Amino acid sequence: MQELELIAALSNAFGPSGFEDDAVAVARSYAPEGFDLEEDSLRNLYIRRAGKDEDKPVVMLDAHSDEVGFMVQAIRPDGTLKFIPLGGWTASNIPAHRVKVRARDGRLHTGITGSKPPHFLTEAEKNKAPDIADMWIDVGASSPEEAREQYGIRPGAPVAPDVTFEYDADRDLMFGKAFDNRLGCAAVLSILRALSGESLAVNAVGAIAAQEEVGTRGASVTARRVKPQIAIVFEGAPADDRGTESWMIQTAVHKGPMLRHIDTRMITNPRFQRFALDLAEELGIPVQEAVRSGGSTDGAPIHLSEEGIPCIVIGFPVRYAHTHYGIASLEDFRNGVRLAAEIIRRLDAEIIAGF
């Protein structure tokens, strides 16, 4: 399996929150042979090695399959589409980009996120921050009837950025959409494949969760269903190496995966975190440590499930997360995959109990 092929296929897949079907289908197609695959009604995907030993502790490998996107709320009299955000967007990043709108019959229509041109703005409007309520999506329809009957678009239609993956091998830079968190999905699949033929003291179960961007909803279900004793969460973590003072940079591209100590909804288990950081140092794997005052991950519901689950987050730095485009490093991805695989190889019931 080629990592870039996997990442590209996942990145290019259409899959805003609640509509992850295409991304899940890609993940299924790249799952390692001999693994059992299951889905639930939320489109959470479970990947388990067949014939696992029930007596071994379960390590859940989490990533989320959804991307930030939009939903059509209504069709305007001129045929353009009024929309709402799915996930956290900064309004100023939305206008003048290509998107794909999924019609009732499954077709994907190209659209442009529009706003009032500068030529027609009043002085008051020019000095006002943009508002999503004043934007629209233009697919080319000229009336509500045309949008409904010829395009097949209805209220509730999902919308995602229209971006195609690229890789600059000379500079080790990946360009694409949905790196938050299709990079995590690729990591889960890569790790399970790498460990598939090994004898382990734990059962590694992949759980690719839906609807993380709208409140970590899918992971609330996966944690209850998998019932892990320990978990590793993979994320496309917002890079801070642009617009941040140098001494505060903790999630830079090309500096290795990031392990966060805290965010708004989880204080990372310090014993598991130290185990991971010490192992990275022992193996010479570059990592970064972050203390975050914003954001959250699937670790939030997972670490509070059952009777409390030791959990760490391995984040792949992504510049411009929660926009149409992201920039990330393949080597950062590889180092995160390598670290997680080595953690799993060393875990056993006694070590987990110590966390």
Protein backbone atom coordinates (compact mmCIF):
# COMPACT_ATOMS: atom_id res chain seq x y z
CA MET A 1 0.00 0.00 0.00
CA GLN A 2 1.37 3.37 -0.99
CA GLU A 3 0.91 5.97 1.75
CA LEU A 4 0.45 8.84 -0.68
CA GLU A 5 -2.15 6.92 -2.65
CA LEU A 6 -4.09 6.24 0.55
CA ILE A 7 -3.84 9.82 1.80
CA ALA A 8 -4.83 11.23 -1.58
CA ALA A 9 -7.87 8.97 -1.88
CA LEU A 10 -9.04 9.89 1.63
CA SER A 11 -8.34 13.60 1.19
CA ASN A 12 -10.20 13.79 -2.11
CA ALA A 13 -13.26 11.93 -0.78
CA PHE A 14 -16.46 13.91 -0.20
CA GLY A 15 -17.44 13.69 3.45
CA PRO A 16 -18.71 16.64 5.52
CA SER A 17 -20.09 15.86 8.97
CA GLY A 18 -23.04 13.50 8.82
CA PHE A 19 -22.30 12.54 5.20
CA GLU A 20 -19.07 10.54 5.58
CA ASP A 21 -20.17 7.66 3.31
CA ASP A 22 -17.58 8.23 0.55
CA ALA A 23 -14.69 8.64 3.00
CA VAL A 24 -15.76 5.49 4.86
CA ALA A 25 -15.95 3.59 1.55
CA VAL A 26 -12.35 4.60 0.80
CA ALA A 27 -11.25 3.49 4.26
CA ARG A 28 -12.96 0.13 3.78
CA SER A 29 -11.22 -0.37 0.45
CA TYR A 30 -7.79 0.16 2.04
CA ALA A 31 -8.40 -1.90 5.19
CA PRO A 32 -5.86 -4.71 5.68
CA GLU A 33 -6.82 -8.18 4.53
CA GLY A 34 -8.15 -10.56 7.15
CA PHE A 35 -9.79 -7.84 9.25
CA ASP A 36 -13.48 -7.72 10.10
CA LEU A 37 -15.24 -4.49 9.10
CA GLU A 38 -18.46 -3.18 10.65
CA GLU A 39 -20.43 0.05 10.40
CA ASP A 40 -23.18 1.50 12.55
CA SER A 41 -25.98 3.91 11.69
CA LEU A 42 -23.76 6.98 12.20
CA ARG A 43 -21.27 5.60 9.65
CA ASN A 44 -18.69 4.87 12.32
CA LEU A 45 -16.34 2.21 10.94
CA TYR A 46 -14.85 -0.53 13.14
CA ILE A 47 -11.79 -2.47 11.96
CA ARG A 48 -10.90 -5.58 13.97
CA ARG A 49 -8.41 -8.36 13.39
CA ALA A 50 -10.27 -11.64 12.89
CA GLY A 51 -9.86 -14.24 15.64
CA LYS A 52 -8.65 -11.83 18.30
CA ASP A 53 -7.84 -13.04 21.81
CA GLU A 54 -10.68 -11.86 24.07
CA ASP A 55 -8.42 -11.91 27.13
CA LYS A 56 -6.08 -9.21 25.83
CA PRO A 57 -6.69 -5.55 26.64
CA VAL A 58 -8.13 -3.51 23.79
CA VAL A 59 -6.27 -0.52 22.33
CA MET A 60 -8.61 1.70 20.35
CA LEU A 61 -7.07 3.63 17.46
CA ASP A 62 -9.36 6.58 16.80
CA ALA A 63 -9.61 9.03 13.92
CA HIS A 64 -12.58 10.89 12.50
CA SER A 65 -13.71 10.65 8.90
CA ASP A 66 -15.69 13.89 8.58
CA GLU A 67 -14.42 17.20 7.26
CA VAL A 68 -15.70 20.72 7.82
CA GLY A 69 -18.27 21.64 5.21
CA PHE A 70 -21.70 23.16 4.76
CA MET A 71 -25.38 22.28 4.35
CA VAL A 72 -27.92 23.91 2.06
CA GLN A 73 -30.56 25.61 4.17
CA ALA A 74 -32.79 27.05 1.45
CA ILE A 75 -32.87 28.07 -2.22
CA ARG A 76 -33.05 31.80 -2.89
CA PRO A 77 -35.33 33.34 -5.53
CA ASP A 78 -32.34 33.82 -7.88
CA GLY A 79 -31.39 30.11 -7.70
CA THR A 80 -28.41 30.53 -5.38
CA LEU A 81 -28.17 28.46 -2.22
CA LYS A 82 -28.36 29.75 1.33
CA PHE A 83 -26.16 27.58 3.56
CA ILE A 84 -25.05 26.95 7.11
CA PRO A 85 -21.61 25.71 8.29
CA LEU A 86 -20.93 22.15 9.38
CA GLY A 87 -18.02 22.50 11.80
CA GLY A 88 -15.92 25.47 12.80
CA TRP A 89 -15.32 28.00 10.01
CA THR A 90 -13.95 31.53 10.06
CA ALA A 91 -16.39 33.46 7.87
CA SER A 92 -13.69 35.40 6.02
CA ASN A 93 -12.19 32.13 4.70
CA ILE A 94 -15.39 31.00 2.99
CA PRO A 95 -16.08 33.26 -0.06
CA ALA A 96 -14.69 32.81 -3.59
CA HIS A 97 -13.89 29.09 -3.37
CA ARG A 98 -15.04 26.06 -5.33
CA VAL A 99 -17.29 23.58 -3.56
CA LYS A 100 -19.17 20.42 -4.44
CA VAL A 101 -22.91 20.18 -3.67
CA ARG A 102 -24.40 16.69 -3.47
CA ALA A 103 -27.76 16.47 -5.21
CA ARG A 104 -30.67 14.28 -4.24
CA ASP A 105 -29.61 11.60 -6.78
CA GLY A 106 -25.99 11.58 -5.62
CA ARG A 107 -24.54 13.80 -8.34
CA LEU A 108 -21.90 16.32 -7.28
CA HIS A 109 -22.39 19.82 -8.71
CA THR A 110 -19.61 22.38 -8.76
CA GLY A 111 -20.45 25.64 -7.05
CA ILE A 112 -18.77 28.87 -5.97
CA THR A 113 -19.19 30.40 -2.54
CA GLY A 114 -20.31 33.92 -3.34
CA SER A 115 -20.62 37.24 -1.57
CA LYS A 116 -21.41 40.80 -2.60
CA PRO A 117 -18.67 42.14 -4.95
CA PRO A 118 -16.57 45.07 -3.66
CA HIS A 119 -17.98 47.28 -6.44
CA PHE A 120 -21.41 47.20 -4.78
CA LEU A 121 -20.43 47.43 -1.11
CA THR A 122 -21.34 50.54 0.85
CA GLU A 123 -18.67 52.15 3.00
CA ALA A 124 -20.33 50.65 6.06
CA GLU A 125 -20.32 47.20 4.47
CA LYS A 126 -16.64 47.50 3.52
CA ASN A 127 -15.72 47.99 7.17
CA LYS A 128 -17.95 45.20 8.43
CA ALA A 129 -16.72 41.66 9.13
CA PRO A 130 -18.24 39.16 6.68
CA ASP A 131 -21.26 37.19 7.83
CA ILE A 132 -22.17 33.72 6.54
CA ALA A 133 -25.81 34.84 6.36
CA ASP A 134 -24.79 37.29 3.61
CA MET A 135 -23.08 34.59 1.49
CA TRP A 136 -24.45 32.05 -0.95
CA ILE A 137 -23.41 29.14 -3.14
CA ASP A 138 -23.85 29.57 -6.90
CA VAL A 139 -24.13 26.36 -8.95
CA GLY A 140 -25.32 28.21 -12.05
CA ALA A 141 -29.07 27.89 -11.50
CA SER A 142 -31.17 30.98 -12.18
CA SER A 143 -34.30 30.06 -10.25
CA PRO A 144 -35.43 27.80 -7.40
CA GLU A 145 -37.22 25.61 -9.92
CA GLU A 146 -34.05 25.10 -11.92
CA ALA A 147 -32.00 24.34 -8.80
CA ARG A 148 -34.56 21.76 -7.67
CA GLU A 149 -35.63 20.16 -10.95
CA GLN A 150 -32.49 20.30 -13.12
CA TYR A 151 -29.82 20.15 -10.44
CA GLY A 152 -31.74 18.01 -7.97
CA ILE A 153 -30.71 20.18 -5.03
CA ARG A 154 -32.92 20.33 -1.94
CA PRO A 155 -32.59 21.80 1.56
CA GLY A 156 -30.30 19.53 3.56
CA ALA A 157 -27.91 18.92 0.66
CA PRO A 158 -24.33 18.50 1.96
CA VAL A 159 -21.50 20.64 0.62
CA ALA A 160 -17.72 20.13 0.80
CA PRO A 161 -14.66 22.03 -0.49
CA ASP A 162 -13.60 21.08 -4.02
CA VAL A 163 -9.84 20.52 -3.79
CA THR A 164 -7.57 17.87 -5.34
CA PHE A 165 -4.60 16.42 -3.42
CA GLU A 166 -1.05 17.26 -4.56
CA TYR A 167 2.39 16.31 -3.24
CA ASP A 168 5.65 18.25 -3.63
CA ALA A 169 8.29 15.56 -3.17
CA ASP A 170 11.20 18.01 -3.29
CA ARG A 171 9.90 19.85 -0.23
CA ASP A 172 7.92 17.03 1.37
CA LEU A 173 4.70 19.01 1.39
CA MET A 174 1.20 17.66 0.87
CA PHE A 175 -1.51 20.05 -0.31
CA GLY A 176 -5.19 19.14 -0.06
CA LYS A 177 -8.43 19.34 1.83
CA ALA A 178 -9.70 17.45 4.87
CA PHE A 179 -6.27 16.68 6.34
CA ASP A 180 -8.26 17.21 9.56
CA ASN A 181 -8.73 14.35 9.82
CA ARG A 182 -8.17 12.09 6.84
CA LEU A 183 -4.49 11.98 7.87
CA GLY A 184 -5.65 10.33 11.07
CA CYS A 185 -7.75 7.83 9.12
CA ALA A 186 -4.73 6.98 6.97
CA ALA A 187 -2.66 6.51 10.14
CA VAL A 188 -5.13 4.05 11.65
CA LEU A 189 -5.18 1.98 8.45
CA SER A 190 -1.38 2.10 8.07
CA ILE A 191 -0.77 1.00 11.66
CA LEU A 192 -3.22 -1.88 11.53
CA ARG A 193 -1.64 -3.08 8.30
CA ALA A 194 1.89 -2.79 9.75
CA LEU A 195 0.92 -4.80 12.85
CA SER A 196 -1.35 -7.33 11.14
CA GLY A 197 1.15 -10.19 11.10
CA GLU A 198 2.62 -9.60 14.55
CA SER A 199 1.91 -11.28 17.87
CA LEU A 200 0.87 -8.57 20.31
CA ALA A 201 -0.06 -8.46 23.99
CA VAL A 202 -3.04 -6.24 23.13
CA ASN A 203 -5.89 -6.16 20.62
CA ALA A 204 -5.62 -3.13 18.36
CA VAL A 205 -9.04 -2.03 17.09
CA GLY A 206 -9.51 0.76 14.58
CA ALA A 207 -12.51 3.04 15.15
CA ILE A 208 -13.01 5.66 12.46
CA ALA A 209 -15.62 7.99 13.92
CA ALA A 210 -18.17 10.25 12.28
CA GLN A 211 -19.25 13.79 13.16
CA GLU A 212 -16.26 14.91 15.19
CA GLU A 213 -16.41 18.43 13.77
CA VAL A 214 -19.90 18.99 15.16
CA GLY A 215 -19.20 17.88 18.73
CA THR A 216 -17.20 14.62 18.81
CA ARG A 217 -20.47 12.73 18.39
CA GLY A 218 -19.29 9.56 16.66
CA ALA A 219 -16.60 8.80 19.22
CA SER A 220 -19.20 8.84 21.99
CA VAL A 221 -20.66 5.77 20.28
CA THR A 222 -17.41 4.05 19.26
CA ALA A 223 -16.01 4.20 22.79
CA ARG A 224 -19.12 2.50 24.19
CA ARG A 225 -19.06 -0.15 21.49
CA VAL A 226 -15.33 -0.96 21.48
CA LYS A 227 -14.94 -0.68 25.28
CA PRO A 228 -11.18 -0.11 25.16
CA GLN A 229 -8.77 -0.22 28.07
CA ILE A 230 -6.58 2.43 26.41
CA ALA A 231 -6.80 4.66 23.34
CA ILE A 232 -4.67 6.59 20.87
CA VAL A 233 -6.44 9.45 19.08
CA PHE A 234 -5.04 10.69 15.76
CA GLU A 235 -5.75 14.22 14.61
CA GLY A 236 -4.98 16.72 11.90
CA ALA A 237 -3.73 19.31 14.38
CA PRO A 238 -3.77 23.02 13.48
CA ALA A 239 -0.18 24.08 12.84
CA ASP A 240 0.98 27.20 14.67
CA ASP A 241 4.14 27.93 12.68
CA ARG A 242 2.46 30.80 10.82
CA GLY A 243 1.40 33.92 12.69
CA THR A 244 2.85 32.78 16.03
CA GLU A 245 5.90 34.07 17.87
CA SER A 246 8.79 31.62 17.47
CA TRP A 247 9.04 30.80 21.17
CA MET A 248 5.36 29.76 21.24
CA ILE A 249 5.42 27.42 18.24
CA GLN A 250 4.46 23.91 19.38
CA THR A 251 2.91 22.37 16.24
CA ALA A 252 5.16 23.10 13.29
CA VAL A 253 5.19 21.35 9.93
CA HIS A 254 8.39 19.27 9.42
CA LYS A 255 9.07 19.04 13.17
CA GLY A 256 7.33 15.74 13.86
CA PRO A 257 3.93 14.76 15.24
CA MET A 258 2.49 16.74 18.14
CA LEU A 259 1.42 15.24 21.49
CA ARG A 260 -0.83 17.65 23.35
CA HIS A 261 -0.93 17.83 27.14
CA ILE A 262 -4.28 19.61 27.38
CA ASP A 263 -7.10 21.18 25.38
CA THR A 264 -10.48 22.56 26.36
CA ARG A 265 -12.02 19.13 27.04
CA MET A 266 -9.23 16.79 28.06
CA ILE A 267 -6.16 16.78 30.27
CA THR A 268 -4.05 14.03 28.71
CA ASN A 269 -3.29 11.09 30.98
CA PRO A 270 0.17 12.19 32.17
CA ARG A 271 1.52 8.67 32.71
CA PHE A 272 0.56 7.47 29.22
CA GLN A 273 1.82 10.75 27.77
CA ARG A 274 5.20 10.31 29.49
CA PHE A 275 5.43 6.72 28.26
CA ALA A 276 4.90 7.92 24.68
CA LEU A 277 7.33 10.85 24.96
CA ASP A 278 10.04 8.72 26.57
CA LEU A 279 9.65 6.08 23.86
CA ALA A 280 9.93 8.71 21.12
CA GLU A 281 13.15 9.97 22.71
CA GLU A 282 14.50 6.43 23.04
CA LEU A 283 13.82 5.67 19.36
CA GLY A 284 14.94 9.04 18.01
CA ILE A 285 11.48 9.92 16.67
CA PRO A 286 11.00 13.70 16.52
CA VAL A 287 7.91 14.87 18.39
CA GLN A 288 6.47 18.15 19.60
CA GLU A 289 4.65 18.88 22.85
CA ALA A 290 1.74 21.30 22.97
CA VAL A 291 -0.33 22.96 25.68
CA ARG A 292 -3.55 24.11 24.03
CA SER A 293 -6.07 26.61 25.39
CA GLY A 294 -8.56 25.91 22.59
CA GLY A 295 -9.97 23.06 20.55
CA SER A 296 -10.71 19.46 21.42
CA THR A 297 -10.58 15.97 19.90
CA ASP A 298 -12.33 12.63 20.07
CA GLY A 299 -10.23 12.08 23.17
CA ALA A 300 -12.82 14.12 25.08
CA PRO A 301 -15.62 11.53 25.03
CA ILE A 302 -13.24 8.56 24.86
CA HIS A 303 -11.27 9.34 28.02
CA LEU A 304 -14.51 9.74 30.01
CA SER A 305 -16.11 6.54 28.72
CA GLU A 306 -16.53 3.33 30.70
CA GLU A 307 -14.59 3.79 33.95
CA GLY A 308 -12.08 6.21 32.45
CA ILE A 309 -9.74 5.43 29.55
CA PRO A 310 -6.06 6.46 29.42
CA CYS A 311 -5.78 8.39 26.18
CA ILE A 312 -3.17 10.33 24.22
CA VAL A 313 -3.48 12.44 21.08
CA ILE A 314 -0.97 12.17 18.23
CA GLY A 315 -1.51 15.15 15.95
CA PHE A 316 -0.17 15.69 12.44
CA PRO A 317 0.56 19.41 11.97
CA VAL A 318 -1.72 20.94 9.32
CA ARG A 319 -1.42 24.54 8.20
CA TYR A 320 -4.73 26.31 7.53
CA ALA A 321 -6.93 23.65 9.11
CA HIS A 322 -10.66 24.34 8.86
CA THR A 323 -10.27 26.08 5.51
CA HIS A 324 -10.54 24.74 1.97
CA TYR A 325 -6.83 23.92 1.86
CA GLY A 326 -4.24 22.32 4.11
CA ILE A 327 -0.48 21.86 4.01
CA ALA A 328 1.19 18.97 5.83
CA SER A 329 4.35 16.85 5.76
CA LEU A 330 4.46 13.19 4.78
CA GLU A 331 7.47 12.67 7.06
CA ASP A 332 5.51 14.03 10.05
CA PHE A 333 2.80 11.50 9.17
CA ARG A 334 5.31 8.65 8.94
CA ASN A 335 6.87 9.54 12.29
CA GLY A 336 3.47 9.60 13.95
CA VAL A 337 2.61 6.20 12.50
CA ARG A 338 5.95 4.78 13.58
CA LEU A 339 5.58 6.09 17.13
CA ALA A 340 2.07 4.71 17.54
CA ALA A 341 3.05 1.31 16.17
CA GLU A 342 5.97 1.11 18.60
CA ILE A 343 3.73 2.11 21.50
CA ILE A 344 1.32 -0.69 20.67
CA ARG A 345 4.13 -3.22 20.36
CA ARG A 346 5.22 -2.40 23.91
CA LEU A 347 1.85 -2.25 25.64
CA ASP A 348 0.55 -5.06 27.82
CA ALA A 349 -1.98 -5.40 30.63
CA GLU A 350 0.52 -4.53 33.36
CA ILE A 351 1.76 -1.37 31.66
CA ILE A 352 -1.79 -0.21 30.92
CA ALA A 353 -2.79 -0.80 34.56
CA GLY A 354 0.09 1.50 35.57
CA PHE A 355 -1.47 4.38 33.65
